[in-house]
Amino acid sequence: MASVLVLYAHPAPHKSRINRRLAAAAREVEGVTFRDLYELYPDFVIDVEEEQKLLKEHDVIVLQHPFYWYSAPALVKEYLDLVLTYGWAYGEGGAALQGKILLQSISAGGSEEVYCSQGRNRFTIRQLLAPFDQTACLCGLRYLAPHIIHGANQLTDAASIQPFALRYVRLLKALRDQTLPLELAAAAEKINDLIPA
């Protein structure tokens, strides 16, 4: 079994029904370590040694967050800036994360149709996440396609959210159990269709 680390970052979790439910579901999956970054670091003072230790101990890293301004909430950027240090994560002697897997689980308010070359946002979410893909490459991580929940703002009741939570649990278990087809997951636009039934 692979060890899975979920780094959850939502600056206003009380406003997000979908992320709260996905976070609760992730916490229940055996073999998954769940960390709420905004709860741990409300002042943005990150314990770099502790986070590096956890990254090194896990095989799979999942960044779970809302899609803010075509990227991630500010604490995710701060985390990457401080934790992925030269000589540890990349650069001369920086091989601590070599061969590990990185992916993102994202909620987006817009529909899938607005995230394409003909859509209002002109790019797919996968294209807009290119800086994360390149960060993974620089650090020797294997970057997989994102898990995306479109139209998250319209998911207002437990019944409409529950199928997404169940699917997220299946994804985390497939990552843990190493049953996800990684070649397909790395090449896909989004990982959703590869999640086992």
N, C-alpha and C. Protein backbone atom coordinates (compact mmCIF):
# COMPACT_ATOMS: atom_id res chain seq x y z
N MET A 1 0.84 -1.20 0.00
CA MET A 1 0.00 0.00 0.00
C MET A 1 0.87 1.25 0.00
N ALA A 2 0.41 2.25 -0.68
CA ALA A 2 1.09 3.55 -0.70
C ALA A 2 0.52 4.42 0.42
N SER A 3 1.36 5.26 0.98
CA SER A 3 0.88 6.21 1.99
C SER A 3 0.49 7.50 1.30
N VAL A 4 -0.68 8.04 1.68
CA VAL A 4 -1.26 9.20 1.01
C VAL A 4 -1.35 10.36 1.99
N LEU A 5 -0.88 11.52 1.57
CA LEU A 5 -0.95 12.74 2.37
C LEU A 5 -1.87 13.73 1.65
N VAL A 6 -2.95 14.14 2.32
CA VAL A 6 -3.85 15.14 1.76
C VAL A 6 -3.57 16.47 2.47
N LEU A 7 -3.16 17.45 1.69
CA LEU A 7 -2.93 18.80 2.20
C LEU A 7 -4.12 19.65 1.77
N TYR A 8 -4.99 19.92 2.71
CA TYR A 8 -6.24 20.63 2.45
C TYR A 8 -6.05 22.11 2.74
N ALA A 9 -6.44 22.96 1.78
CA ALA A 9 -6.26 24.40 1.97
C ALA A 9 -7.49 25.15 1.49
N HIS A 10 -8.30 25.58 2.44
CA HIS A 10 -9.45 26.42 2.12
C HIS A 10 -9.51 27.54 3.15
N PRO A 11 -9.35 28.79 2.74
CA PRO A 11 -9.32 29.89 3.70
C PRO A 11 -10.66 30.19 4.36
N ALA A 12 -11.75 29.70 3.77
CA ALA A 12 -13.09 29.93 4.34
C ALA A 12 -13.91 28.65 4.22
N PRO A 13 -13.53 27.60 4.95
CA PRO A 13 -14.20 26.31 4.79
C PRO A 13 -15.69 26.35 5.13
N HIS A 14 -16.08 27.26 6.02
CA HIS A 14 -17.49 27.36 6.38
C HIS A 14 -18.36 27.78 5.20
N LYS A 15 -17.74 28.33 4.16
CA LYS A 15 -18.48 28.77 2.97
C LYS A 15 -18.52 27.71 1.87
N SER A 16 -17.84 26.60 2.07
CA SER A 16 -17.73 25.59 1.02
C SER A 16 -18.32 24.26 1.46
N ARG A 17 -19.53 23.98 1.03
CA ARG A 17 -20.16 22.71 1.38
C ARG A 17 -19.38 21.54 0.79
N ILE A 18 -18.97 21.68 -0.48
CA ILE A 18 -18.30 20.57 -1.16
C ILE A 18 -16.94 20.27 -0.53
N ASN A 19 -16.15 21.29 -0.25
CA ASN A 19 -14.82 21.04 0.32
C ASN A 19 -14.91 20.52 1.75
N ARG A 20 -15.87 20.99 2.51
CA ARG A 20 -16.05 20.46 3.87
C ARG A 20 -16.37 18.97 3.81
N ARG A 21 -17.25 18.58 2.89
CA ARG A 21 -17.65 17.18 2.78
C ARG A 21 -16.51 16.31 2.27
N LEU A 22 -15.77 16.81 1.28
CA LEU A 22 -14.62 16.05 0.78
C LEU A 22 -13.55 15.91 1.86
N ALA A 23 -13.33 16.96 2.62
CA ALA A 23 -12.36 16.90 3.72
C ALA A 23 -12.77 15.86 4.75
N ALA A 24 -14.05 15.87 5.12
CA ALA A 24 -14.55 14.89 6.09
C ALA A 24 -14.39 13.47 5.55
N ALA A 25 -14.66 13.30 4.28
CA ALA A 25 -14.52 11.96 3.67
C ALA A 25 -13.06 11.52 3.65
N ALA A 26 -12.15 12.42 3.32
CA ALA A 26 -10.73 12.08 3.27
C ALA A 26 -10.21 11.68 4.64
N ARG A 27 -10.69 12.36 5.67
CA ARG A 27 -10.25 12.04 7.04
C ARG A 27 -10.60 10.61 7.45
N GLU A 28 -11.62 10.05 6.81
CA GLU A 28 -12.10 8.72 7.19
C GLU A 28 -11.40 7.58 6.45
N VAL A 29 -10.60 7.90 5.45
CA VAL A 29 -9.97 6.85 4.65
C VAL A 29 -8.74 6.31 5.37
N GLU A 30 -8.74 5.03 5.60
CA GLU A 30 -7.61 4.38 6.27
C GLU A 30 -6.36 4.51 5.39
N GLY A 31 -5.25 4.85 6.02
CA GLY A 31 -4.00 5.00 5.28
C GLY A 31 -3.79 6.38 4.69
N VAL A 32 -4.71 7.30 4.97
CA VAL A 32 -4.57 8.67 4.48
C VAL A 32 -4.29 9.59 5.67
N THR A 33 -3.25 10.39 5.54
CA THR A 33 -2.94 11.42 6.53
C THR A 33 -3.54 12.72 6.02
N PHE A 34 -4.39 13.32 6.84
CA PHE A 34 -5.09 14.55 6.43
C PHE A 34 -4.56 15.73 7.22
N ARG A 35 -4.22 16.82 6.52
CA ARG A 35 -3.70 18.03 7.16
C ARG A 35 -4.48 19.23 6.65
N ASP A 36 -5.08 19.98 7.53
CA ASP A 36 -5.78 21.22 7.18
C ASP A 36 -4.80 22.37 7.37
N LEU A 37 -4.25 22.86 6.27
CA LEU A 37 -3.18 23.85 6.34
C LEU A 37 -3.63 25.17 6.98
N TYR A 38 -4.84 25.61 6.68
CA TYR A 38 -5.30 26.88 7.27
C TYR A 38 -5.59 26.72 8.77
N GLU A 39 -5.95 25.54 9.18
CA GLU A 39 -6.15 25.30 10.61
C GLU A 39 -4.81 25.24 11.33
N LEU A 40 -3.82 24.60 10.70
CA LEU A 40 -2.49 24.47 11.30
C LEU A 40 -1.70 25.77 11.27
N TYR A 41 -1.86 26.53 10.18
CA TYR A 41 -1.03 27.72 9.98
C TYR A 41 -1.87 28.95 9.65
N PRO A 42 -2.74 29.37 10.55
CA PRO A 42 -3.59 30.54 10.27
C PRO A 42 -2.77 31.82 10.11
N ASP A 43 -1.57 31.83 10.67
CA ASP A 43 -0.69 33.00 10.58
C ASP A 43 0.35 32.86 9.46
N PHE A 44 0.25 31.75 8.68
CA PHE A 44 1.16 31.47 7.57
C PHE A 44 2.59 31.18 8.03
N VAL A 45 2.79 30.91 9.30
CA VAL A 45 4.12 30.53 9.79
C VAL A 45 4.19 29.01 9.75
N ILE A 46 4.80 28.50 8.70
CA ILE A 46 4.80 27.06 8.42
C ILE A 46 5.99 26.39 9.08
N ASP A 47 5.74 25.25 9.70
CA ASP A 47 6.80 24.43 10.29
C ASP A 47 7.45 23.63 9.16
N VAL A 48 8.46 24.19 8.57
CA VAL A 48 9.08 23.60 7.38
C VAL A 48 9.63 22.21 7.66
N GLU A 49 10.32 22.02 8.78
CA GLU A 49 10.91 20.71 9.10
C GLU A 49 9.83 19.65 9.24
N GLU A 50 8.73 19.98 9.92
CA GLU A 50 7.64 19.03 10.09
C GLU A 50 7.00 18.68 8.75
N GLU A 51 6.79 19.67 7.91
CA GLU A 51 6.15 19.42 6.62
C GLU A 51 7.08 18.62 5.70
N GLN A 52 8.37 18.91 5.73
CA GLN A 52 9.31 18.12 4.94
C GLN A 52 9.34 16.67 5.41
N LYS A 53 9.30 16.48 6.70
CA LYS A 53 9.27 15.12 7.26
C LYS A 53 8.05 14.36 6.76
N LEU A 54 6.89 15.00 6.79
CA LEU A 54 5.65 14.36 6.33
C LEU A 54 5.69 14.07 4.83
N LEU A 55 6.18 15.00 4.06
CA LEU A 55 6.29 14.76 2.61
C LEU A 55 7.19 13.57 2.33
N LYS A 56 8.28 13.49 3.06
CA LYS A 56 9.23 12.39 2.84
C LYS A 56 8.63 11.05 3.24
N GLU A 57 7.75 11.04 4.23
CA GLU A 57 7.15 9.80 4.74
C GLU A 57 6.03 9.26 3.86
N HIS A 58 5.53 10.06 2.93
CA HIS A 58 4.38 9.66 2.12
C HIS A 58 4.76 9.46 0.65
N ASP A 59 4.01 8.57 0.01
CA ASP A 59 4.25 8.25 -1.40
C ASP A 59 3.44 9.12 -2.35
N VAL A 60 2.27 9.54 -1.90
CA VAL A 60 1.34 10.31 -2.72
C VAL A 60 0.97 11.58 -1.97
N ILE A 61 1.01 12.70 -2.67
CA ILE A 61 0.65 14.00 -2.07
C ILE A 61 -0.52 14.56 -2.87
N VAL A 62 -1.60 14.87 -2.17
CA VAL A 62 -2.79 15.45 -2.80
C VAL A 62 -2.98 16.86 -2.25
N LEU A 63 -3.00 17.83 -3.14
CA LEU A 63 -3.33 19.20 -2.75
C LEU A 63 -4.82 19.38 -3.01
N GLN A 64 -5.60 19.49 -1.94
CA GLN A 64 -7.05 19.68 -2.08
C GLN A 64 -7.38 21.13 -1.79
N HIS A 65 -7.97 21.81 -2.77
CA HIS A 65 -8.27 23.24 -2.59
C HIS A 65 -9.27 23.73 -3.63
N PRO A 66 -9.90 24.86 -3.35
CA PRO A 66 -10.73 25.49 -4.38
C PRO A 66 -9.82 26.12 -5.43
N PHE A 67 -10.35 26.28 -6.61
CA PHE A 67 -9.62 26.90 -7.72
C PHE A 67 -9.82 28.40 -7.63
N TYR A 68 -8.82 29.11 -7.06
CA TYR A 68 -8.91 30.55 -6.84
C TYR A 68 -8.11 31.28 -7.90
N TRP A 69 -8.73 32.16 -8.63
CA TRP A 69 -8.05 32.97 -9.63
C TRP A 69 -7.07 32.14 -10.46
N TYR A 70 -7.58 31.04 -10.97
CA TYR A 70 -6.82 30.16 -11.87
C TYR A 70 -5.62 29.53 -11.18
N SER A 71 -5.70 29.39 -9.88
CA SER A 71 -4.59 28.81 -9.13
C SER A 71 -5.12 28.25 -7.81
N ALA A 72 -4.32 28.38 -6.78
CA ALA A 72 -4.66 27.86 -5.46
C ALA A 72 -4.71 29.00 -4.44
N PRO A 73 -5.34 28.78 -3.30
CA PRO A 73 -5.30 29.79 -2.23
C PRO A 73 -3.86 30.12 -1.83
N ALA A 74 -3.68 31.28 -1.26
CA ALA A 74 -2.35 31.83 -0.97
C ALA A 74 -1.49 30.91 -0.10
N LEU A 75 -2.09 30.20 0.83
CA LEU A 75 -1.30 29.36 1.73
C LEU A 75 -0.65 28.19 0.99
N VAL A 76 -1.26 27.73 -0.09
CA VAL A 76 -0.65 26.66 -0.89
C VAL A 76 0.65 27.18 -1.50
N LYS A 77 0.61 28.38 -2.05
CA LYS A 77 1.83 28.97 -2.63
C LYS A 77 2.89 29.19 -1.57
N GLU A 78 2.48 29.69 -0.41
CA GLU A 78 3.43 29.89 0.69
C GLU A 78 4.05 28.56 1.11
N TYR A 79 3.22 27.53 1.19
CA TYR A 79 3.70 26.19 1.55
C TYR A 79 4.77 25.73 0.56
N LEU A 80 4.47 25.81 -0.72
CA LEU A 80 5.42 25.36 -1.73
C LEU A 80 6.69 26.21 -1.70
N ASP A 81 6.54 27.51 -1.55
CA ASP A 81 7.71 28.40 -1.51
C ASP A 81 8.65 28.06 -0.36
N LEU A 82 8.08 27.75 0.81
CA LEU A 82 8.91 27.53 2.00
C LEU A 82 9.37 26.09 2.18
N VAL A 83 8.52 25.14 1.83
CA VAL A 83 8.81 23.73 2.14
C VAL A 83 9.69 23.08 1.07
N LEU A 84 9.47 23.43 -0.19
CA LEU A 84 10.24 22.81 -1.27
C LEU A 84 11.54 23.58 -1.48
N THR A 85 12.47 23.36 -0.58
CA THR A 85 13.71 24.14 -0.57
C THR A 85 14.77 23.56 -1.50
N TYR A 86 15.65 24.46 -1.95
CA TYR A 86 16.80 24.06 -2.78
C TYR A 86 17.70 23.15 -1.95
N GLY A 87 18.18 22.09 -2.56
CA GLY A 87 19.05 21.16 -1.86
C GLY A 87 18.29 20.09 -1.12
N TRP A 88 16.97 20.26 -0.99
CA TRP A 88 16.12 19.23 -0.36
C TRP A 88 15.14 18.68 -1.39
N ALA A 89 14.37 19.58 -2.02
CA ALA A 89 13.37 19.14 -2.99
C ALA A 89 13.88 19.21 -4.43
N TYR A 90 14.83 20.05 -4.69
CA TYR A 90 15.35 20.22 -6.05
C TYR A 90 16.76 20.78 -5.97
N GLY A 91 17.41 20.86 -7.11
CA GLY A 91 18.77 21.40 -7.15
C GLY A 91 19.78 20.37 -6.69
N GLU A 92 21.00 20.82 -6.49
CA GLU A 92 22.08 19.93 -6.10
C GLU A 92 21.76 19.22 -4.78
N GLY A 93 21.68 17.91 -4.83
CA GLY A 93 21.37 17.12 -3.64
C GLY A 93 19.90 17.10 -3.26
N GLY A 94 19.08 17.78 -4.01
CA GLY A 94 17.66 17.88 -3.67
C GLY A 94 16.82 16.78 -4.28
N ALA A 95 16.83 15.62 -3.65
CA ALA A 95 16.12 14.46 -4.21
C ALA A 95 15.12 13.85 -3.24
N ALA A 96 14.69 14.61 -2.24
CA ALA A 96 13.82 14.05 -1.19
C ALA A 96 12.47 13.57 -1.72
N LEU A 97 12.00 14.14 -2.81
CA LEU A 97 10.65 13.82 -3.31
C LEU A 97 10.67 12.99 -4.59
N GLN A 98 11.84 12.57 -5.02
CA GLN A 98 11.98 11.82 -6.26
C GLN A 98 11.05 10.61 -6.30
N GLY A 99 10.27 10.51 -7.38
CA GLY A 99 9.43 9.34 -7.60
C GLY A 99 8.09 9.36 -6.90
N LYS A 100 7.84 10.34 -6.08
CA LYS A 100 6.54 10.43 -5.41
C LYS A 100 5.50 10.97 -6.39
N ILE A 101 4.24 10.86 -6.02
CA ILE A 101 3.13 11.30 -6.88
C ILE A 101 2.52 12.57 -6.30
N LEU A 102 2.19 13.51 -7.18
CA LEU A 102 1.49 14.73 -6.79
C LEU A 102 0.27 14.91 -7.68
N LEU A 103 -0.86 15.23 -7.08
CA LEU A 103 -2.04 15.63 -7.83
C LEU A 103 -2.85 16.61 -7.02
N GLN A 104 -3.80 17.24 -7.68
CA GLN A 104 -4.65 18.23 -7.03
C GLN A 104 -6.11 17.80 -7.13
N SER A 105 -6.83 18.02 -6.04
CA SER A 105 -8.28 17.82 -6.03
C SER A 105 -8.88 19.21 -5.89
N ILE A 106 -9.60 19.62 -6.93
CA ILE A 106 -10.00 21.01 -7.05
C ILE A 106 -11.50 21.15 -7.20
N SER A 107 -12.05 22.16 -6.55
CA SER A 107 -13.44 22.54 -6.79
C SER A 107 -13.43 23.86 -7.55
N ALA A 108 -14.24 23.92 -8.61
CA ALA A 108 -14.33 25.13 -9.42
C ALA A 108 -15.79 25.54 -9.54
N GLY A 109 -16.05 26.83 -9.42
CA GLY A 109 -17.42 27.32 -9.54
C GLY A 109 -17.96 27.21 -10.95
N GLY A 110 -17.08 27.37 -11.94
CA GLY A 110 -17.50 27.34 -13.33
C GLY A 110 -17.71 25.95 -13.88
N SER A 111 -18.50 25.86 -14.91
CA SER A 111 -18.76 24.58 -15.58
C SER A 111 -17.54 24.18 -16.42
N GLU A 112 -17.54 22.93 -16.84
CA GLU A 112 -16.44 22.45 -17.68
C GLU A 112 -16.37 23.22 -18.99
N GLU A 113 -17.50 23.65 -19.50
CA GLU A 113 -17.56 24.35 -20.78
C GLU A 113 -16.82 25.69 -20.77
N VAL A 114 -16.71 26.33 -19.61
CA VAL A 114 -16.01 27.63 -19.58
C VAL A 114 -14.50 27.46 -19.48
N TYR A 115 -14.03 26.23 -19.23
CA TYR A 115 -12.61 25.95 -19.15
C TYR A 115 -12.16 25.16 -20.38
N CYS A 116 -12.10 25.84 -21.51
CA CYS A 116 -11.59 25.26 -22.76
C CYS A 116 -11.20 26.41 -23.68
N SER A 117 -10.57 26.08 -24.80
CA SER A 117 -10.08 27.14 -25.69
C SER A 117 -11.20 28.03 -26.22
N GLN A 118 -12.42 27.49 -26.35
CA GLN A 118 -13.54 28.29 -26.82
C GLN A 118 -14.33 28.93 -25.68
N GLY A 119 -14.03 28.56 -24.47
CA GLY A 119 -14.78 29.04 -23.31
C GLY A 119 -14.30 30.39 -22.80
N ARG A 120 -15.03 30.92 -21.86
CA ARG A 120 -14.74 32.24 -21.28
C ARG A 120 -13.34 32.31 -20.67
N ASN A 121 -12.86 31.19 -20.11
CA ASN A 121 -11.55 31.20 -19.45
C ASN A 121 -10.39 30.82 -20.37
N ARG A 122 -10.67 30.47 -21.62
CA ARG A 122 -9.71 30.27 -22.69
C ARG A 122 -8.76 29.08 -22.53
N PHE A 123 -8.66 28.51 -21.37
CA PHE A 123 -7.75 27.40 -21.12
C PHE A 123 -8.47 26.33 -20.30
N THR A 124 -7.98 25.11 -20.39
CA THR A 124 -8.49 24.06 -19.51
C THR A 124 -7.88 24.25 -18.12
N ILE A 125 -8.49 23.65 -17.13
CA ILE A 125 -7.90 23.72 -15.79
C ILE A 125 -6.52 23.08 -15.79
N ARG A 126 -6.37 21.99 -16.50
CA ARG A 126 -5.06 21.32 -16.57
C ARG A 126 -4.01 22.30 -17.11
N GLN A 127 -4.34 23.06 -18.14
CA GLN A 127 -3.40 24.03 -18.68
C GLN A 127 -3.08 25.13 -17.67
N LEU A 128 -4.09 25.58 -16.97
CA LEU A 128 -3.89 26.65 -15.99
C LEU A 128 -3.06 26.18 -14.79
N LEU A 129 -3.01 24.88 -14.56
CA LEU A 129 -2.21 24.31 -13.47
C LEU A 129 -0.77 24.02 -13.88
N ALA A 130 -0.35 24.50 -15.04
CA ALA A 130 1.00 24.23 -15.53
C ALA A 130 2.10 24.57 -14.52
N PRO A 131 2.00 25.65 -13.74
CA PRO A 131 3.06 25.91 -12.75
C PRO A 131 3.21 24.79 -11.71
N PHE A 132 2.10 24.16 -11.34
CA PHE A 132 2.18 23.04 -10.40
C PHE A 132 2.82 21.83 -11.06
N ASP A 133 2.46 21.60 -12.31
CA ASP A 133 3.04 20.51 -13.10
C ASP A 133 4.55 20.69 -13.19
N GLN A 134 5.00 21.91 -13.50
CA GLN A 134 6.42 22.18 -13.63
C GLN A 134 7.14 22.09 -12.28
N THR A 135 6.47 22.53 -11.22
CA THR A 135 7.05 22.39 -9.88
C THR A 135 7.29 20.92 -9.56
N ALA A 136 6.30 20.10 -9.88
CA ALA A 136 6.44 18.65 -9.66
C ALA A 136 7.62 18.10 -10.46
N CYS A 137 7.71 18.50 -11.72
CA CYS A 137 8.79 18.04 -12.59
C CYS A 137 10.16 18.43 -12.02
N LEU A 138 10.29 19.67 -11.60
CA LEU A 138 11.54 20.16 -11.04
C LEU A 138 11.97 19.35 -9.81
N CYS A 139 10.97 18.91 -9.04
CA CYS A 139 11.25 18.18 -7.79
C CYS A 139 11.27 16.67 -7.99
N GLY A 140 11.12 16.21 -9.23
CA GLY A 140 11.17 14.77 -9.48
C GLY A 140 9.90 14.03 -9.09
N LEU A 141 8.82 14.78 -8.90
CA LEU A 141 7.52 14.17 -8.59
C LEU A 141 6.81 13.80 -9.89
N ARG A 142 5.98 12.79 -9.80
CA ARG A 142 5.13 12.41 -10.95
C ARG A 142 3.81 13.14 -10.80
N TYR A 143 3.50 14.03 -11.73
CA TYR A 143 2.29 14.86 -11.65
C TYR A 143 1.16 14.18 -12.40
N LEU A 144 0.06 13.96 -11.70
CA LEU A 144 -1.12 13.37 -12.31
C LEU A 144 -2.14 14.45 -12.64
N ALA A 145 -3.05 14.11 -13.53
CA ALA A 145 -4.13 15.04 -13.89
C ALA A 145 -4.95 15.37 -12.65
N PRO A 146 -5.53 16.56 -12.61
CA PRO A 146 -6.30 16.95 -11.43
C PRO A 146 -7.65 16.24 -11.35
N HIS A 147 -8.11 16.09 -10.13
CA HIS A 147 -9.48 15.65 -9.85
C HIS A 147 -10.27 16.95 -9.73
N ILE A 148 -11.28 17.10 -10.59
CA ILE A 148 -11.98 18.40 -10.67
C ILE A 148 -13.47 18.22 -10.42
N ILE A 149 -14.01 19.07 -9.56
CA ILE A 149 -15.46 19.16 -9.38
C ILE A 149 -15.89 20.51 -9.93
N HIS A 150 -16.54 20.47 -11.09
CA HIS A 150 -17.05 21.69 -11.73
C HIS A 150 -18.41 22.06 -11.15
N GLY A 151 -18.75 23.33 -11.25
CA GLY A 151 -20.07 23.79 -10.81
C GLY A 151 -20.29 23.62 -9.32
N ALA A 152 -19.21 23.75 -8.56
CA ALA A 152 -19.29 23.51 -7.11
C ALA A 152 -20.28 24.44 -6.42
N ASN A 153 -20.45 25.64 -6.93
CA ASN A 153 -21.38 26.59 -6.32
C ASN A 153 -22.83 26.13 -6.38
N GLN A 154 -23.13 25.28 -7.35
CA GLN A 154 -24.50 24.80 -7.51
C GLN A 154 -24.80 23.57 -6.64
N LEU A 155 -23.79 23.01 -6.03
CA LEU A 155 -23.98 21.84 -5.17
C LEU A 155 -24.33 22.33 -3.77
N THR A 156 -25.63 22.38 -3.48
CA THR A 156 -26.08 23.06 -2.27
C THR A 156 -26.64 22.13 -1.20
N ASP A 157 -26.89 20.87 -1.53
CA ASP A 157 -27.47 19.98 -0.52
C ASP A 157 -26.67 18.68 -0.44
N ALA A 158 -26.86 17.99 0.65
CA ALA A 158 -26.09 16.77 0.92
C ALA A 158 -26.27 15.72 -0.17
N ALA A 159 -27.47 15.62 -0.70
CA ALA A 159 -27.74 14.61 -1.72
C ALA A 159 -26.94 14.85 -3.00
N SER A 160 -26.77 16.12 -3.38
CA SER A 160 -26.01 16.41 -4.60
C SER A 160 -24.50 16.32 -4.37
N ILE A 161 -24.06 16.48 -3.13
CA ILE A 161 -22.64 16.45 -2.80
C ILE A 161 -22.13 15.03 -2.56
N GLN A 162 -22.97 14.17 -1.99
CA GLN A 162 -22.55 12.83 -1.59
C GLN A 162 -21.88 12.02 -2.70
N PRO A 163 -22.38 12.01 -3.94
CA PRO A 163 -21.70 11.24 -4.99
C PRO A 163 -20.26 11.70 -5.23
N PHE A 164 -20.02 13.00 -5.10
CA PHE A 164 -18.66 13.53 -5.29
C PHE A 164 -17.75 13.08 -4.14
N ALA A 165 -18.28 13.06 -2.93
CA ALA A 165 -17.50 12.60 -1.78
C ALA A 165 -17.14 11.12 -1.93
N LEU A 166 -18.10 10.32 -2.37
CA LEU A 166 -17.84 8.89 -2.56
C LEU A 166 -16.79 8.66 -3.64
N ARG A 167 -16.87 9.43 -4.69
CA ARG A 167 -15.90 9.29 -5.78
C ARG A 167 -14.50 9.70 -5.31
N TYR A 168 -14.42 10.74 -4.50
CA TYR A 168 -13.14 11.18 -3.96
C TYR A 168 -12.54 10.10 -3.07
N VAL A 169 -13.36 9.47 -2.26
CA VAL A 169 -12.90 8.36 -1.42
C VAL A 169 -12.35 7.23 -2.30
N ARG A 170 -13.04 6.91 -3.39
CA ARG A 170 -12.57 5.86 -4.30
C ARG A 170 -11.23 6.24 -4.91
N LEU A 171 -11.06 7.52 -5.24
CA LEU A 171 -9.78 7.98 -5.78
C LEU A 171 -8.67 7.79 -4.75
N LEU A 172 -8.90 8.24 -3.53
CA LEU A 172 -7.87 8.12 -2.48
C LEU A 172 -7.53 6.65 -2.22
N LYS A 173 -8.53 5.79 -2.22
CA LYS A 173 -8.27 4.36 -2.01
C LYS A 173 -7.50 3.76 -3.18
N ALA A 174 -7.81 4.19 -4.40
CA ALA A 174 -7.09 3.69 -5.57
C ALA A 174 -5.63 4.14 -5.53
N LEU A 175 -5.38 5.36 -5.08
CA LEU A 175 -4.01 5.84 -4.92
C LEU A 175 -3.30 5.05 -3.82
N ARG A 176 -3.98 4.84 -2.72
CA ARG A 176 -3.42 4.08 -1.60
C ARG A 176 -3.11 2.64 -2.01
N ASP A 177 -4.07 2.03 -2.72
CA ASP A 177 -3.93 0.62 -3.09
C ASP A 177 -3.15 0.41 -4.39
N GLN A 178 -2.72 1.49 -4.98
CA GLN A 178 -1.91 1.47 -6.20
C GLN A 178 -2.63 0.76 -7.35
N THR A 179 -3.93 1.02 -7.47
CA THR A 179 -4.72 0.42 -8.54
C THR A 179 -5.08 1.42 -9.64
N LEU A 180 -4.69 2.66 -9.48
CA LEU A 180 -4.97 3.68 -10.48
C LEU A 180 -3.97 3.53 -11.63
N PRO A 181 -4.43 3.53 -12.89
CA PRO A 181 -3.48 3.44 -14.01
C PRO A 181 -2.70 4.76 -14.16
N LEU A 182 -1.48 4.77 -13.66
CA LEU A 182 -0.72 6.01 -13.55
C LEU A 182 -0.37 6.63 -14.90
N GLU A 183 -0.07 5.82 -15.90
CA GLU A 183 0.25 6.37 -17.22
C GLU A 183 -0.94 7.15 -17.77
N LEU A 184 -2.12 6.57 -17.66
CA LEU A 184 -3.33 7.25 -18.14
C LEU A 184 -3.63 8.47 -17.28
N ALA A 185 -3.41 8.35 -15.96
CA ALA A 185 -3.70 9.46 -15.04
C ALA A 185 -2.76 10.64 -15.27
N ALA A 186 -1.54 10.37 -15.68
CA ALA A 186 -0.59 11.45 -15.95
C ALA A 186 -0.92 12.16 -17.26
N ALA A 187 -1.46 11.44 -18.21
CA ALA A 187 -1.72 12.01 -19.54
C ALA A 187 -3.10 12.64 -19.68
N ALA A 188 -4.01 12.31 -18.79
CA ALA A 188 -5.41 12.76 -18.92
C ALA A 188 -5.55 14.27 -18.69
N GLU A 189 -6.66 14.81 -19.16
CA GLU A 189 -7.00 16.21 -18.89
C GLU A 189 -7.48 16.35 -17.45
N LYS A 190 -8.23 15.35 -16.99
CA LYS A 190 -8.66 15.27 -15.59
C LYS A 190 -8.74 13.80 -15.22
N ILE A 191 -8.57 13.53 -13.96
CA ILE A 191 -8.49 12.15 -13.49
C ILE A 191 -9.85 11.51 -13.24
N ASN A 192 -10.89 12.31 -13.22
CA ASN A 192 -12.23 11.87 -12.83
C ASN A 192 -12.69 10.58 -13.49
N ASP A 193 -12.48 10.48 -14.80
CA ASP A 193 -12.98 9.32 -15.54
C ASP A 193 -12.19 8.05 -15.26
N LEU A 194 -11.06 8.16 -14.62
CA LEU A 194 -10.22 6.98 -14.32
C LEU A 194 -10.47 6.45 -12.91
N ILE A 195 -11.30 7.12 -12.16
CA ILE A 195 -11.58 6.67 -10.78
C ILE A 195 -12.41 5.40 -10.86
N PRO A 196 -11.99 4.34 -10.16
CA PRO A 196 -12.72 3.07 -10.21
C PRO A 196 -14.18 3.23 -9.77
N ALA A 197 -15.04 2.44 -10.39
CA ALA A 197 -16.48 2.47 -10.03
C ALA A 197 -16.68 1.79 -8.69
